[in-house]
């Protein structure tokens, strides 16, 4: 059941992000909030592109991980003298999943702000 809820939320999250970006571009918010949100979105997209494809770290001495917060490649070896053999991952979903993870909450907050600020006028 929890996987069904999580899958549904991960399907709805991109729609929330797209709606917030479109409404911000169409000037449905103040100019300051528009610049703040779109600037945050662009900065987040650039930072996540770097961390998704160029960040490499070792989770332990025999496991090398490429990508953060979602890894797209994981190499393992038996000991420090053996070659890196096993790998698991797909680079296609790493960046979109990272964007959804980091942009959903700010986008949802922007939509809530727009909803309540519209009712107060």
Protein backbone atom coordinates (compact mmCIF):
# COMPACT_ATOMS: atom_id res chain seq x y z
CA UNK A 1 0.00 0.00 0.00
CA UNK A 2 2.79 2.43 0.86
CA UNK A 3 4.39 1.84 -2.57
CA UNK A 4 1.10 2.65 -4.25
CA UNK A 5 0.81 5.95 -2.35
CA UNK A 6 4.46 6.81 -3.04
CA UNK A 7 4.09 5.99 -6.74
CA UNK A 8 0.96 8.11 -6.98
CA UNK A 9 2.67 11.01 -5.21
CA UNK A 10 5.67 10.76 -7.53
CA UNK A 11 3.28 10.88 -10.49
CA UNK A 12 1.40 13.93 -9.19
CA UNK A 13 4.54 15.85 -8.13
CA UNK A 14 5.65 16.79 -11.69
CA UNK A 15 2.17 18.18 -12.34
CA UNK A 16 2.45 20.36 -9.23
CA UNK A 17 5.86 21.63 -10.38
CA UNK A 18 4.67 22.38 -13.92
CA UNK A 19 1.55 24.16 -12.64
CA UNK A 20 3.60 26.35 -10.30
CA UNK A 21 6.08 27.29 -13.03
CA UNK A 22 3.33 28.12 -15.54
CA UNK A 23 1.36 30.20 -13.05
CA UNK A 24 4.51 32.04 -11.94
CA UNK A 25 5.41 32.84 -15.55
CA UNK A 26 1.86 34.06 -16.24
CA UNK A 27 2.29 36.68 -13.47
CA UNK A 28 -0.19 35.14 -11.04
CA UNK A 29 2.15 36.08 -8.18
CA UNK A 30 3.99 39.24 -7.17
CA UNK A 31 7.11 40.10 -9.20
CA UNK A 32 9.34 39.48 -6.18
CA UNK A 33 7.87 36.03 -5.53
CA UNK A 34 8.05 35.22 -9.24
CA UNK A 35 11.76 36.09 -9.40
CA UNK A 36 12.44 34.25 -6.15
CA UNK A 37 10.67 31.06 -7.25
CA UNK A 38 12.01 30.99 -10.81
CA UNK A 39 15.53 31.80 -9.58
CA UNK A 40 15.32 29.01 -7.04
CA UNK A 41 14.04 26.64 -9.72
CA UNK A 42 16.91 27.47 -12.12
CA UNK A 43 19.53 27.29 -9.37
CA UNK A 44 18.15 23.95 -8.18
CA UNK A 45 18.09 22.56 -11.74
CA UNK A 46 21.72 23.55 -12.31
CA UNK A 47 22.92 22.21 -8.96
CA UNK A 48 21.05 18.94 -9.40
CA UNK A 49 22.43 18.46 -12.89
CA UNK A 50 25.93 18.65 -11.43
CA UNK A 51 25.23 16.38 -8.45
CA UNK A 52 23.26 13.90 -10.53
CA UNK A 53 25.95 13.27 -13.15
CA UNK A 54 29.30 14.49 -11.82
CA UNK A 55 29.25 13.72 -8.11
CA UNK A 56 31.18 10.54 -7.21
CA UNK A 57 31.65 9.22 -3.71
CA UNK A 58 32.57 5.99 -1.91
CA UNK A 59 29.91 4.58 0.39
CA UNK A 60 32.57 2.18 1.65
CA UNK A 61 36.10 1.31 0.41
CA UNK A 62 34.74 -1.22 -2.07
CA UNK A 63 31.65 0.60 -3.37
CA UNK A 64 31.86 3.62 -5.66
CA UNK A 65 28.63 5.55 -6.25
CA UNK A 66 27.99 7.99 -9.11
CA UNK A 67 25.22 10.57 -8.63
CA UNK A 68 23.38 12.12 -5.71
CA UNK A 69 20.67 11.99 -4.32
CA UNK A 70 19.76 9.22 -6.75
CA UNK A 71 22.66 7.18 -8.01
CA UNK A 72 22.88 6.18 -11.64
CA UNK A 73 25.89 3.88 -11.33
CA UNK A 74 27.19 1.79 -8.46
CA UNK A 75 30.46 -0.08 -8.88
CA UNK A 76 31.58 -2.78 -6.47
CA UNK A 77 34.66 -4.90 -5.97
CA UNK A 78 35.70 -7.63 -3.55
CA UNK A 79 38.79 -5.94 -2.13
CA UNK A 80 41.14 -3.06 -2.85
CA UNK A 81 43.22 -5.05 -5.36
CA UNK A 82 40.33 -6.37 -7.46
CA UNK A 83 38.85 -4.44 -10.40
CA UNK A 84 35.54 -2.59 -10.30
CA UNK A 85 33.16 -5.16 -11.74
CA UNK A 86 29.50 -4.88 -10.89
CA UNK A 87 27.39 -1.89 -11.70
CA UNK A 88 23.74 -1.12 -11.40
CA UNK A 89 21.82 1.90 -12.56
CA UNK A 90 20.17 3.97 -15.23
CA UNK A 91 21.21 7.56 -15.94
CA UNK A 92 17.90 8.35 -17.65
CA UNK A 93 15.78 8.75 -14.51
CA UNK A 94 18.40 10.18 -12.15
CA UNK A 95 18.01 13.86 -13.04
CA UNK A 96 14.19 13.96 -13.36
CA UNK A 97 13.79 12.10 -10.06
CA UNK A 98 16.13 14.57 -8.34
CA UNK A 99 14.20 17.53 -9.75
CA UNK A 100 10.90 16.13 -8.56
CA UNK A 101 12.34 15.45 -5.12
CA UNK A 102 13.72 18.97 -4.62
CA UNK A 103 11.10 21.10 -6.41
CA UNK A 104 7.84 19.57 -5.18
CA UNK A 105 7.68 21.26 -1.77
CA UNK A 106 8.57 24.80 -2.99
CA UNK A 107 6.09 24.43 -5.86
CA UNK A 108 3.36 23.21 -3.55
CA UNK A 109 4.03 26.11 -1.18
CA UNK A 110 3.80 28.57 -4.07
CA UNK A 111 0.47 27.09 -5.20
CA UNK A 112 -0.90 27.25 -1.65
CA UNK A 113 0.30 30.87 -1.36
CA UNK A 114 -1.43 31.74 -4.63
CA UNK A 115 -4.65 30.05 -3.50
CA UNK A 116 -4.83 31.85 -0.16
CA UNK A 117 -3.66 35.23 -1.46
CA UNK A 118 -6.34 35.10 -4.16
CA UNK A 119 -9.09 34.50 -1.55
CA UNK A 120 -7.97 37.41 0.62
CA UNK A 121 -8.54 40.07 -2.10
